[in-house]
C-alpha atoms as a PDB file:
ATOM      1  CA  MET A   1     -13.560  64.746 -10.313  1.00  0.00           C
ATOM      2  CA  GLU A   2     -15.595  67.152 -11.852  1.00  0.00           C
ATOM      3  CA  LEU A   3     -19.345  66.646 -11.113  1.00  0.00           C
ATOM      4  CA  ARG A   4     -20.647  67.574 -14.523  1.00  0.00           C
ATOM      5  CA  HIS A   5     -18.535  64.165 -15.283  1.00  0.00           C
ATOM      6  CA  LEU A   6     -20.299  62.106 -13.133  1.00  0.00           C
ATOM      7  CA  GLU A   7     -23.331  63.368 -14.049  1.00  0.00           C
ATOM      8  CA  TYR A   8     -22.267  62.407 -18.555  1.00  0.00           C
ATOM      9  CA  PHE A   9     -21.176  58.911 -16.682  1.00  0.00           C
ATOM     10  CA  VAL A  10     -24.905  58.436 -15.373  1.00  0.00           C
ATOM     11  CA  ALA A  11     -26.394  59.594 -18.719  1.00  0.00           C
ATOM     12  CA  VAL A  12     -24.473  57.070 -20.230  1.00  0.00           C
ATOM     13  CA  ALA A  13     -24.960  53.652 -17.554  1.00  0.00           C
ATOM     14  CA  GLU A  14     -28.772  54.774 -18.153  1.00  0.00           C
ATOM     15  CA  GLU A  15     -29.181  55.264 -21.115  1.00  0.00           C
ATOM     16  CA  ARG A  16     -26.572  52.148 -22.024  1.00  0.00           C
ATOM     17  CA  HIS A  17     -25.386  54.765 -25.324  1.00  0.00           C
ATOM     18  CA  PHE A  18     -23.441  57.119 -25.981  1.00  0.00           C
ATOM     19  CA  THR A  19     -25.256  58.941 -28.563  1.00  0.00           C
ATOM     20  CA  ARG A  20     -28.706  58.342 -26.661  1.00  0.00           C
ATOM     21  CA  ALA A  21     -27.083  60.154 -23.377  1.00  0.00           C
ATOM     22  CA  ALA A  22     -25.252  63.151 -25.548  1.00  0.00           C
ATOM     23  CA  ALA A  23     -29.344  63.966 -26.689  1.00  0.00           C
ATOM     24  CA  ARG A  24     -30.140  63.512 -23.797  1.00  0.00           C
ATOM     25  CA  LEU A  25     -27.518  66.099 -22.406  1.00  0.00           C
ATOM     26  CA  MET A  26     -28.005  68.058 -24.820  1.00  0.00           C
ATOM     27  CA  VAL A  27     -23.874  67.922 -25.665  1.00  0.00           C
ATOM     28  CA  SER A  28     -21.940  66.830 -28.258  1.00  0.00           C
ATOM     29  CA  GLN A  29     -21.296  62.855 -28.158  1.00  0.00           C
ATOM     30  CA  SER A  30     -17.464  63.945 -29.276  1.00  0.00           C
ATOM     31  CA  GLY A  31     -17.882  65.990 -25.667  1.00  0.00           C
ATOM     32  CA  LEU A  32     -19.402  63.399 -23.517  1.00  0.00           C
ATOM     33  CA  SER A  33     -17.189  60.803 -25.110  1.00  0.00           C
ATOM     34  CA  ALA A  34     -14.239  62.259 -23.751  1.00  0.00           C
ATOM     35  CA  ALA A  35     -15.640  63.135 -20.151  1.00  0.00           C
ATOM     36  CA  ILE A  36     -16.012  59.755 -19.646  1.00  0.00           C
ATOM     37  CA  ARG A  37     -12.245  58.961 -20.957  1.00  0.00           C
ATOM     38  CA  ALA A  38     -10.960  61.753 -18.753  1.00  0.00           C
ATOM     39  CA  LEU A  39     -12.704  60.196 -16.187  1.00  0.00           C
ATOM     40  CA  GLU A  40     -11.693  56.370 -16.255  1.00  0.00           C
ATOM     41  CA  ARG A  41      -8.176  58.400 -16.526  1.00  0.00           C
ATOM     42  CA  GLU A  42      -9.086  59.750 -13.202  1.00  0.00           C
ATOM     43  CA  LEU A  43     -10.487  56.306 -11.869  1.00  0.00           C
ATOM     44  CA  GLY A  44      -7.273  54.432 -13.548  1.00  0.00           C
ATOM     45  CA  ALA A  45     -10.213  51.707 -14.303  1.00  0.00           C
ATOM     46  CA  PRO A  46     -12.419  51.450 -17.750  1.00  0.00           C
ATOM     47  CA  LEU A  47     -15.937  52.253 -16.684  1.00  0.00           C
ATOM     48  CA  PHE A  48     -17.672  50.649 -20.051  1.00  0.00           C
ATOM     49  CA  VAL A  49     -17.055  48.054 -22.516  1.00  0.00           C
ATOM     50  CA  ARG A  50     -18.366  49.128 -25.394  1.00  0.00           C
ATOM     51  CA  SER A  51     -19.518  48.275 -28.859  1.00  0.00           C
ATOM     52  CA  THR A  52     -21.151  49.238 -31.904  1.00  0.00           C
ATOM     53  CA  ARG A  53     -24.741  49.287 -30.487  1.00  0.00           C
ATOM     54  CA  THR A  54     -24.446  49.559 -27.234  1.00  0.00           C
ATOM     55  CA  VAL A  55     -22.517  50.006 -24.008  1.00  0.00           C
ATOM     56  CA  ALA A  56     -22.430  47.974 -21.440  1.00  0.00           C
ATOM     57  CA  LEU A  57     -21.114  48.653 -17.715  1.00  0.00           C
ATOM     58  CA  THR A  58     -17.496  47.154 -16.142  1.00  0.00           C
ATOM     59  CA  GLU A  59     -17.666  45.737 -12.387  1.00  0.00           C
ATOM     60  CA  ALA A  60     -15.575  48.998 -12.035  1.00  0.00           C
ATOM     61  CA  GLY A  61     -18.528  51.164 -14.178  1.00  0.00           C
ATOM     62  CA  ARG A  62     -20.975  48.764 -11.513  1.00  0.00           C
ATOM     63  CA  ALA A  63     -19.462  50.055  -8.565  1.00  0.00           C
ATOM     64  CA  LEU A  64     -19.623  53.803  -9.664  1.00  0.00           C
ATOM     65  CA  LEU A  65     -22.576  53.837 -10.320  1.00  0.00           C
ATOM     66  CA  GLY A  66     -24.114  53.908  -7.187  1.00  0.00           C
ATOM     67  CA  GLU A  67     -21.730  56.211  -5.576  1.00  0.00           C
ATOM     68  CA  ALA A  68     -22.211  58.593  -8.715  1.00  0.00           C
ATOM     69  CA  GLY A  69     -25.891  58.540  -7.709  1.00  0.00           C
ATOM     70  CA  ARG A  70     -25.445  59.618  -4.968  1.00  0.00           C
ATOM     71  CA  ALA A  71     -23.227  62.335  -4.443  1.00  0.00           C
ATOM     72  CA  LEU A  72     -25.282  63.522  -7.793  1.00  0.00           C
ATOM     73  CA  ALA A  73     -28.270  63.981  -5.153  1.00  0.00           C
ATOM     74  CA  SER A  74     -26.465  65.188  -2.282  1.00  0.00           C
ATOM     75  CA  VAL A  75     -25.143  68.197  -4.576  1.00  0.00           C
ATOM     76  CA  ARG A  76     -28.930  68.328  -5.826  1.00  0.00           C
ATOM     77  CA  ALA A  77     -30.470  68.465  -1.811  1.00  0.00           C
ATOM     78  CA  ALA A  78     -27.756  70.991  -1.154  1.00  0.00           C
ATOM     79  CA  ARG A  79     -28.853  73.610  -3.717  1.00  0.00           C
ATOM     80  CA  GLU A  80     -32.377  72.903  -2.727  1.00  0.00           C
ATOM     81  CA  ALA A  81     -31.910  73.923   1.186  1.00  0.00           C
ATOM     82  CA  VAL A  82     -29.892  76.864   0.335  1.00  0.00           C
ATOM     83  CA  ALA A  83     -32.532  78.291  -1.801  1.00  0.00           C
ATOM     84  CA  ALA A  84     -34.584  76.911   1.190  1.00  0.00           C
ATOM     85  CA  THR A  85     -33.888  79.761   3.481  1.00  0.00           C
ATOM     86  CA  GLN A  86     -34.105  82.560   1.136  1.00  0.00           C
ATOM     87  CA  GLY A  87     -37.415  81.235   1.700  1.00  0.00           C
ATOM     88  CA  LEU A  88     -37.417  79.425  -2.620  1.00  0.00           C
ATOM     89  CA  LEU A  89     -38.865  75.724  -2.540  1.00  0.00           C
ATOM     90  CA  ARG A  90     -37.456  75.103  -6.391  1.00  0.00           C
ATOM     91  CA  GLY A  91     -35.367  72.445  -8.652  1.00  0.00           C
ATOM     92  CA  THR A  92     -36.928  68.513  -9.274  1.00  0.00           C
ATOM     93  CA  LEU A  93     -38.914  66.847  -7.033  1.00  0.00           C
ATOM     94  CA  ALA A  94     -38.131  62.583  -8.256  1.00  0.00           C
ATOM     95  CA  VAL A  95     -41.728  60.668  -7.423  1.00  0.00           C
ATOM     96  CA  GLY A  96     -41.160  56.419  -7.404  1.00  0.00           C
ATOM     97  CA  THR A  97     -44.977  54.811  -7.092  1.00  0.00           C
ATOM     98  CA  GLU A  98     -46.237  51.412  -7.306  1.00  0.00           C
ATOM     99  CA  GLN A  99     -50.083  51.317  -8.946  1.00  0.00           C
ATOM    100  CA  CYS A 100     -52.428  52.102  -6.562  1.00  0.00           C
ATOM    101  CA  VAL A 101     -50.145  51.784  -3.148  1.00  0.00           C
ATOM    102  CA  SER A 102     -52.700  52.168  -0.026  1.00  0.00           C
ATOM    103  CA  GLY A 103     -53.138  55.115   1.952  1.00  0.00           C
ATOM    104  CA  VAL A 104     -51.944  57.963  -0.099  1.00  0.00           C
ATOM    105  CA  HIS A 105     -53.974  58.969  -3.172  1.00  0.00           C
ATOM    106  CA  VAL A 106     -51.165  60.036  -5.332  1.00  0.00           C
ATOM    107  CA  PRO A 107     -52.541  62.182  -7.972  1.00  0.00           C
ATOM    108  CA  SER A 108     -53.856  64.514  -5.139  1.00  0.00           C
ATOM    109  CA  LEU A 109     -50.815  64.477  -3.070  1.00  0.00           C
ATOM    110  CA  LEU A 110     -49.054  65.909  -6.035  1.00  0.00           C
ATOM    111  CA  ALA A 111     -51.232  68.178  -6.735  1.00  0.00           C
ATOM    112  CA  ALA A 112     -51.163  69.036  -3.599  1.00  0.00           C
ATOM    113  CA  PHE A 113     -47.716  69.690  -3.349  1.00  0.00           C
ATOM    114  CA  ARG A 114     -47.836  71.857  -6.652  1.00  0.00           C
ATOM    115  CA  GLN A 115     -50.352  74.197  -5.407  1.00  0.00           C
ATOM    116  CA  ARG A 116     -47.941  74.971  -2.382  1.00  0.00           C
ATOM    117  CA  HIS A 117     -44.593  74.371  -4.653  1.00  0.00           C
ATOM    118  CA  PRO A 118     -45.749  75.873  -8.184  1.00  0.00           C
ATOM    119  CA  ARG A 119     -41.710  75.709  -8.830  1.00  0.00           C
ATOM    120  CA  VAL A 120     -40.723  72.450  -8.167  1.00  0.00           C
ATOM    121  CA  GLU A 121     -40.733  70.781 -11.189  1.00  0.00           C
ATOM    122  CA  ILE A 122     -42.412  66.777 -10.425  1.00  0.00           C
ATOM    123  CA  ARG A 123     -41.060  64.411 -12.478  1.00  0.00           C
ATOM    124  CA  LEU A 124     -42.845  60.795 -11.933  1.00  0.00           C
ATOM    125  CA  ARG A 125     -41.663  57.014 -12.680  1.00  0.00           C
ATOM    126  CA  GLN A 126     -44.352  54.294 -11.668  1.00  0.00           C
ATOM    127  CA  ALA A 127     -42.243  50.284 -11.586  1.00  0.00           C
ATOM    128  CA  GLY A 128     -42.390  47.871  -8.708  1.00  0.00           C
ATOM    129  CA  SER A 129     -40.888  48.041  -5.815  1.00  0.00           C
ATOM    130  CA  VAL A 130     -38.345  46.256  -6.403  1.00  0.00           C
ATOM    131  CA  GLN A 131     -36.722  48.372  -8.179  1.00  0.00           C
ATOM    132  CA  LEU A 132     -38.018  51.671  -7.109  1.00  0.00           C
ATOM    133  CA  MET A 133     -36.350  51.373  -3.181  1.00  0.00           C
ATOM    134  CA  ASP A 134     -32.904  50.850  -5.715  1.00  0.00           C
ATOM    135  CA  GLU A 135     -33.695  54.003  -7.553  1.00  0.00           C
ATOM    136  CA  VAL A 136     -34.097  55.400  -3.772  1.00  0.00           C
ATOM    137  CA  ALA A 137     -30.788  54.182  -2.815  1.00  0.00           C
ATOM    138  CA  ALA A 138     -29.409  55.382  -5.449  1.00  0.00           C
ATOM    139  CA  GLY A 139     -29.963  59.223  -5.711  1.00  0.00           C
ATOM    140  CA  ARG A 140     -32.277  58.887  -8.616  1.00  0.00           C
ATOM    141  CA  LEU A 141     -35.815  58.966  -6.567  1.00  0.00           C
ATOM    142  CA  ASP A 142     -36.634  60.983  -3.728  1.00  0.00           C
ATOM    143  CA  VAL A 143     -39.518  59.852  -2.108  1.00  0.00           C
ATOM    144  CA  ALA A 144     -41.572  56.505  -3.563  1.00  0.00           C
ATOM    145  CA  PHE A 145     -44.464  54.232  -2.508  1.00  0.00           C
ATOM    146  CA  LEU A 146     -44.294  51.353  -2.498  1.00  0.00           C
ATOM    147  CA  LEU A 147     -44.442  48.389  -0.170  1.00  0.00           C
ATOM    148  CA  PRO A 148     -41.607  47.007   1.360  1.00  0.00           C
ATOM    149  CA  PHE A 149     -39.618  43.680   1.826  1.00  0.00           C
ATOM    150  CA  GLY A 150     -36.652  42.678   3.915  1.00  0.00           C
ATOM    151  CA  ASP A 151     -34.429  46.168   5.741  1.00  0.00           C
ATOM    152  CA  PRO A 152     -33.985  49.072   3.457  1.00  0.00           C
ATOM    153  CA  PRO A 153     -30.962  49.699   2.049  1.00  0.00           C
ATOM    154  CA  PRO A 154     -28.678  52.171   3.937  1.00  0.00           C
ATOM    155  CA  ARG A 155     -29.297  55.576   3.937  1.00  0.00           C
ATOM    156  CA  VAL A 156     -32.992  54.892   3.110  1.00  0.00           C
ATOM    157  CA  ARG A 157     -36.168  55.736   5.483  1.00  0.00           C
ATOM    158  CA  LEU A 158     -39.299  53.885   5.518  1.00  0.00           C
ATOM    159  CA  SER A 159     -42.659  56.191   6.973  1.00  0.00           C
ATOM    160  CA  PRO A 160     -45.818  53.492   7.218  1.00  0.00           C
ATOM    161  CA  LEU A 161     -48.774  54.283   5.020  1.00  0.00           C
ATOM    162  CA  ALA A 162     -51.226  51.824   5.878  1.00  0.00           C
ATOM    163  CA  ASP A 163     -52.041  48.176   6.941  1.00  0.00           C
ATOM    164  CA  GLU A 164     -54.831  45.481   5.000  1.00  0.00           C
ATOM    165  CA  PRO A 165     -55.584  42.222   4.754  1.00  0.00           C
ATOM    166  CA  MET A 166     -54.849  39.840   1.680  1.00  0.00           C
ATOM    167  CA  THR A 167     -58.270  38.500  -0.492  1.00  0.00           C
ATOM    168  CA  LEU A 168     -58.766  35.602  -2.889  1.00  0.00           C
ATOM    169  CA  LEU A 169     -60.992  36.696  -6.328  1.00  0.00           C
ATOM    170  CA  CYS A 170     -62.568  34.463  -8.314  1.00  0.00           C
ATOM    171  CA  HIS A 171     -65.420  35.130 -11.112  1.00  0.00           C
ATOM    172  CA  PRO A 172     -69.034  34.071  -9.519  1.00  0.00           C
ATOM    173  CA  ASP A 173     -69.069  31.076 -11.523  1.00  0.00           C
ATOM    174  CA  HIS A 174     -65.679  29.613  -9.717  1.00  0.00           C
ATOM    175  CA  PRO A 175     -66.404  27.256  -7.522  1.00  0.00           C
ATOM    176  CA  LEU A 176     -64.607  28.682  -5.378  1.00  0.00           C
ATOM    177  CA  ALA A 177     -66.959  31.912  -5.197  1.00  0.00           C
ATOM    178  CA  GLY A 178     -69.784  30.130  -3.231  1.00  0.00           C
ATOM    179  CA  THR A 179     -66.882  31.080  -0.189  1.00  0.00           C
ATOM    180  CA  GLY A 180     -67.102  34.407  -0.985  1.00  0.00           C
ATOM    181  CA  ALA A 181     -68.687  37.489  -1.136  1.00  0.00           C
ATOM    182  CA  GLU A 182     -69.457  39.738  -3.970  1.00  0.00           C
ATOM    183  CA  ALA A 183     -66.094  42.491  -4.941  1.00  0.00           C
ATOM    184  CA  GLY A 184     -67.109  46.289  -6.267  1.00  0.00           C
ATOM    185  CA  THR A 185     -69.625  46.727  -3.124  1.00  0.00           C
ATOM    186  CA  GLY A 186     -67.405  48.689  -0.944  1.00  0.00           C
ATOM    187  CA  THR A 187     -68.600  46.245   1.995  1.00  0.00           C
ATOM    188  CA  GLY A 188     -65.506  44.118   2.096  1.00  0.00           C
ATOM    189  CA  ILE A 189     -65.761  40.851   3.263  1.00  0.00           C
ATOM    190  CA  GLU A 190     -66.383  41.510   6.889  1.00  0.00           C
ATOM    191  CA  THR A 191     -69.134  42.129   5.342  1.00  0.00           C
ATOM    192  CA  GLY A 192     -70.333  40.351   3.201  1.00  0.00           C
ATOM    193  CA  ALA A 193     -68.863  36.933   3.503  1.00  0.00           C
ATOM    194  CA  ARG A 194     -71.331  34.552   3.054  1.00  0.00           C
ATOM    195  CA  THR A 195     -70.393  31.731   4.916  1.00  0.00           C
ATOM    196  CA  ALA A 196     -69.853  31.348   8.186  1.00  0.00           C
ATOM    197  CA  PRO A 197     -67.399  33.488  10.249  1.00  0.00           C
ATOM    198  CA  GLY A 198     -63.680  31.511  10.257  1.00  0.00           C
ATOM    199  CA  ALA A 199     -64.168  30.091   7.543  1.00  0.00           C
ATOM    200  CA  GLY A 200     -62.294  30.405   4.478  1.00  0.00           C
ATOM    201  CA  ALA A 201     -60.989  28.744   1.423  1.00  0.00           C
ATOM    202  CA  ALA A 202     -57.982  26.359   2.202  1.00  0.00           C
ATOM    203  CA  TRP A 203     -54.781  26.904   1.266  1.00  0.00           C
ATOM    204  CA  SER A 204     -54.305  23.235  -0.115  1.00  0.00           C
ATOM    205  CA  ALA A 205     -56.949  23.688  -2.445  1.00  0.00           C
ATOM    206  CA  LEU A 206     -55.050  26.581  -4.614  1.00  0.00           C
ATOM    207  CA  ALA A 207     -52.554  24.190  -5.896  1.00  0.00           C
ATOM    208  CA  ASP A 208     -54.281  22.881  -8.825  1.00  0.00           C
ATOM    209  CA  GLU A 209     -55.921  26.979 -10.281  1.00  0.00           C
ATOM    210  CA  PRO A 210     -54.050  29.225 -13.123  1.00  0.00           C
ATOM    211  CA  PHE A 211     -53.321  32.476 -10.575  1.00  0.00           C
ATOM    212  CA  VAL A 212     -53.033  36.184 -11.982  1.00  0.00           C
ATOM    213  CA  ASP A 213     -50.716  38.269 -10.723  1.00  0.00           C
ATOM    214  CA  PHE A 214     -47.351  40.881 -11.338  1.00  0.00           C
ATOM    215  CA  HIS A 215     -44.311  40.990 -12.318  1.00  0.00           C
ATOM    216  CA  PRO A 216     -42.145  39.492  -9.863  1.00  0.00           C
ATOM    217  CA  ASP A 217     -40.532  43.189  -8.822  1.00  0.00           C
ATOM    218  CA  TRP A 218     -44.199  44.271  -7.077  1.00  0.00           C
ATOM    219  CA  GLY A 219     -44.808  44.421  -3.421  1.00  0.00           C
ATOM    220  CA  THR A 220     -47.503  42.472  -4.079  1.00  0.00           C
ATOM    221  CA  ARG A 221     -46.629  39.332  -6.011  1.00  0.00           C
ATOM    222  CA  ARG A 222     -44.143  39.132  -3.701  1.00  0.00           C
ATOM    223  CA  ILE A 223     -46.708  39.096  -0.444  1.00  0.00           C
ATOM    224  CA  THR A 224     -48.049  36.542  -2.259  1.00  0.00           C
ATOM    225  CA  ASP A 225     -45.313  34.491  -2.841  1.00  0.00           C
ATOM    226  CA  ARG A 226     -44.164  34.167   0.289  1.00  0.00           C
ATOM    227  CA  ALA A 227     -47.574  33.446   1.670  1.00  0.00           C
ATOM    228  CA  PHE A 228     -48.067  30.171  -0.864  1.00  0.00           C
ATOM    229  CA  ALA A 229     -44.204  29.442   0.788  1.00  0.00           C
ATOM    230  CA  ALA A 230     -45.541  29.494   3.639  1.00  0.00           C
ATOM    231  CA  ALA A 231     -48.419  27.332   3.151  1.00  0.00           C
ATOM    232  CA  ARG A 232     -45.528  25.176   1.520  1.00  0.00           C
ATOM    233  CA  VAL A 233     -48.163  25.564  -1.208  1.00  0.00           C
ATOM    234  CA  GLN A 234     -46.429  25.446  -4.955  1.00  0.00           C
ATOM    235  CA  ARG A 235     -49.019  27.554  -7.177  1.00  0.00           C
ATOM    236  CA  GLN A 236     -49.349  28.174 -10.928  1.00  0.00           C
ATOM    237  CA  VAL A 237     -48.705  31.945 -12.352  1.00  0.00           C
ATOM    238  CA  THR A 238     -50.069  31.565 -15.608  1.00  0.00           C
ATOM    239  CA  LEU A 239     -51.038  35.004 -16.605  1.00  0.00           C
ATOM    240  CA  GLU A 240     -48.185  37.893 -15.498  1.00  0.00           C
ATOM    241  CA  VAL A 241     -49.604  41.438 -15.864  1.00  0.00           C
ATOM    242  CA  ASN A 242     -48.192  45.434 -14.544  1.00  0.00           C
ATOM    243  CA  ASP A 243     -51.255  47.281 -14.210  1.00  0.00           C
ATOM    244  CA  VAL A 244     -54.047  46.339 -11.738  1.00  0.00           C
ATOM    245  CA  HIS A 245     -56.809  46.718 -14.294  1.00  0.00           C
ATOM    246  CA  SER A 246     -55.264  44.485 -16.487  1.00  0.00           C
ATOM    247  CA  LEU A 247     -55.609  42.445 -13.700  1.00  0.00           C
ATOM    248  CA  LEU A 248     -58.811  42.627 -12.529  1.00  0.00           C
ATOM    249  CA  GLU A 249     -59.726  41.830 -16.346  1.00  0.00           C
ATOM    250  CA  LEU A 250     -58.044  39.292 -16.688  1.00  0.00           C
ATOM    251  CA  VAL A 251     -60.028  37.463 -13.490  1.00  0.00           C
ATOM    252  CA  GLN A 252     -64.076  39.410 -14.985  1.00  0.00           C
ATOM    253  CA  GLU A 253     -63.042  37.073 -18.218  1.00  0.00           C
ATOM    254  CA  GLY A 254     -62.480  33.684 -15.274  1.00  0.00           C
ATOM    255  CA  LEU A 255     -59.300  32.865 -16.637  1.00  0.00           C
ATOM    256  CA  GLY A 256     -57.412  32.825 -13.306  1.00  0.00           C
ATOM    257  CA  ILE A 257     -57.742  33.529  -9.809  1.00  0.00           C
ATOM    258  CA  ALA A 258     -55.924  36.414  -7.899  1.00  0.00           C
ATOM    259  CA  LEU A 259     -54.397  37.067  -4.536  1.00  0.00           C
ATOM    260  CA  VAL A 260     -54.973  41.167  -3.856  1.00  0.00           C
ATOM    261  CA  PRO A 261     -54.736  43.561  -1.373  1.00  0.00           C
ATOM    262  CA  GLN A 262     -58.720  43.962  -0.097  1.00  0.00           C
ATOM    263  CA  HIS A 263     -58.701  47.629  -1.029  1.00  0.00           C
ATOM    264  CA  PHE A 264     -58.680  46.266  -5.067  1.00  0.00           C
ATOM    265  CA  THR A 265     -62.422  44.654  -4.256  1.00  0.00           C
ATOM    266  CA  ALA A 266     -63.483  48.123  -4.550  1.00  0.00           C
ATOM    267  CA  LYS A 267     -62.470  48.753  -7.784  1.00  0.00           C
ATOM    268  CA  PRO A 268     -65.364  49.296 -10.578  1.00  0.00           C
ATOM    269  CA  GLN A 269     -63.580  46.308 -12.795  1.00  0.00           C
ATOM    270  CA  ALA A 270     -64.005  44.538  -9.350  1.00  0.00           C
ATOM    271  CA  ALA A 271     -67.695  45.047  -9.895  1.00  0.00           C
ATOM    272  CA  GLY A 272     -69.114  40.952  -9.814  1.00  0.00           C
ATOM    273  CA  LEU A 273     -66.512  39.449  -8.571  1.00  0.00           C
ATOM    274  CA  ARG A 274     -66.390  37.591  -5.519  1.00  0.00           C
ATOM    275  CA  ALA A 275     -63.872  37.989  -1.815  1.00  0.00           C
ATOM    276  CA  VAL A 276     -63.173  35.386  -0.914  1.00  0.00           C
ATOM    277  CA  PRO A 277     -61.480  34.676   2.638  1.00  0.00           C
ATOM    278  CA  LEU A 278     -58.554  32.319   2.859  1.00  0.00           C
ATOM    279  CA  ASP A 279     -57.531  29.996   5.924  1.00  0.00           C
ATOM    280  CA  ALA A 280     -55.012  31.094   8.041  1.00  0.00           C
ATOM    281  CA  LEU A 281     -51.610  30.247   7.655  1.00  0.00           C
ATOM    282  CA  PRO A 282     -49.080  28.080  10.088  1.00  0.00           C
ATOM    283  CA  GLY A 283     -48.963  29.920  13.466  1.00  0.00           C
ATOM    284  CA  GLY A 284     -51.926  31.718  13.013  1.00  0.00           C
ATOM    285  CA  HIS A 285     -51.334  34.987  10.714  1.00  0.00           C
ATOM    286  CA  ARG A 286     -52.780  35.885   6.750  1.00  0.00           C
ATOM    287  CA  PRO A 287     -50.728  37.890   4.573  1.00  0.00           C
ATOM    288  CA  ALA A 288     -51.182  41.422   4.704  1.00  0.00           C
ATOM    289  CA  TYR A 289     -50.041  43.971   2.820  1.00  0.00           C
ATOM    290  CA  VAL A 290     -48.029  46.950   3.837  1.00  0.00           C
ATOM    291  CA  SER A 291     -47.248  49.550   2.714  1.00  0.00           C
ATOM    292  CA  SER A 292     -44.557  52.564   3.078  1.00  0.00           C
ATOM    293  CA  ALA A 293     -43.317  55.697   1.696  1.00  0.00           C
ATOM    294  CA  ALA A 294     -39.164  55.391   1.462  1.00  0.00           C
ATOM    295  CA  SER A 295     -36.915  58.218   1.502  1.00  0.00           C
ATOM    296  CA  ALA A 296     -33.447  59.235   1.821  1.00  0.00           C
ATOM    297  CA  GLY A 297     -32.301  58.829   4.987  1.00  0.00           C
ATOM    298  CA  GLU A 298     -32.777  62.349   6.979  1.00  0.00           C
ATOM    299  CA  THR A 299     -29.523  64.081   6.329  1.00  0.00           C
ATOM    300  CA  ALA A 300     -29.980  63.271   2.862  1.00  0.00           C
ATOM    301  CA  THR A 301     -33.544  64.121   2.420  1.00  0.00           C
ATOM    302  CA  SER A 302     -34.128  67.242   0.068  1.00  0.00           C
ATOM    303  CA  PRO A 303     -36.237  69.868   1.275  1.00  0.00           C
ATOM    304  CA  ALA A 304     -39.157  69.039  -1.869  1.00  0.00           C
ATOM    305  CA  ALA A 305     -39.298  65.247  -0.555  1.00  0.00           C
ATOM    306  CA  GLN A 306     -39.715  67.041   3.472  1.00  0.00           C
ATOM    307  CA  ALA A 307     -42.207  68.974   2.084  1.00  0.00           C
ATOM    308  CA  LEU A 308     -44.157  65.876   0.145  1.00  0.00           C
ATOM    309  CA  LEU A 309     -43.895  63.549   3.148  1.00  0.00           C
ATOM    310  CA  SER A 310     -45.454  66.615   5.504  1.00  0.00           C
ATOM    311  CA  LEU A 311     -48.782  66.165   3.378  1.00  0.00           C
ATOM    312  CA  LEU A 312     -48.706  62.960   4.185  1.00  0.00           C
ATOM    313  CA  THR A 313     -51.506  62.062   6.448  1.00  0.00           C
ATOM    314  CA  PRO A 314     -51.414  59.955   9.621  1.00  0.00           C
ATOM    315  CA  PRO A 315     -50.743  55.953   9.086  1.00  0.00           C
ATOM    316  CA  THR A 316     -54.434  53.383   8.787  1.00  0.00           C
ATOM    317  CA  HIS A 317     -54.304  50.399   9.907  1.00  0.00           C
ATOM    318  CA  ARG A 318     -57.513  48.188   8.739  1.00  0.00           C
END
């Protein structure tokens, strides 16, 4: 089985189109099609269902995709490991991140890495934590900064970055605002709350409130969904977004409330909002935001990924 054939297969699987995959690989479409047919003959199974407009993976193709991605990532890591023994760190570093992950400032981290290792090409992808975890597991990302959920897939290692409480944000004219502190002041709800210590909004009071929240792929959304499930409260997510600033601006306009990590309250877009404490969930615990760096297992992590992770500061706990 030729590595070139696996590279072609992965490109077609990701593009869902032979013409786009050929352009991405800078090869002729006829050559790409011939390579895929050769791979299908070798494996004894069709990998794609072809139509005039698009292609879709067969069951055999889906089974091959994850293994092919990991095989190509391992080959790339092997090449980079040999280069590293010669004092050269080069190749490609594929990084993924969810927006505004606590415990790491990704632009500063990448800038520090670039300064130390200018020969490494950095590729950055922003997505929800669910997709990022899948891409690390498949070998398409070397490192991802995300919110973990459940046990990580095999061969994926998690390194904790930070944890902090979740807090409710609402417009200052909202009925719940009287129990909170002004957000965006940098003081946090611990020192700015206007109610007695331990006082907070009841989860049951949120059942009929319209919520602004992220797409279900986001780790923050999963934390919130789990918290409401634990409280046995059904909520209404009427506005769904894919970026932090849009969420805060919608709350600013009084279009809904949001349960967010505490560090969101310090953003300029949160100025004037109210951070509202919530009662403890059954069992006495409260929803917490825990961020991690996800990478391939120790034996598969590339030298470039190891160098990036070495620049991280120790985890913080708030």
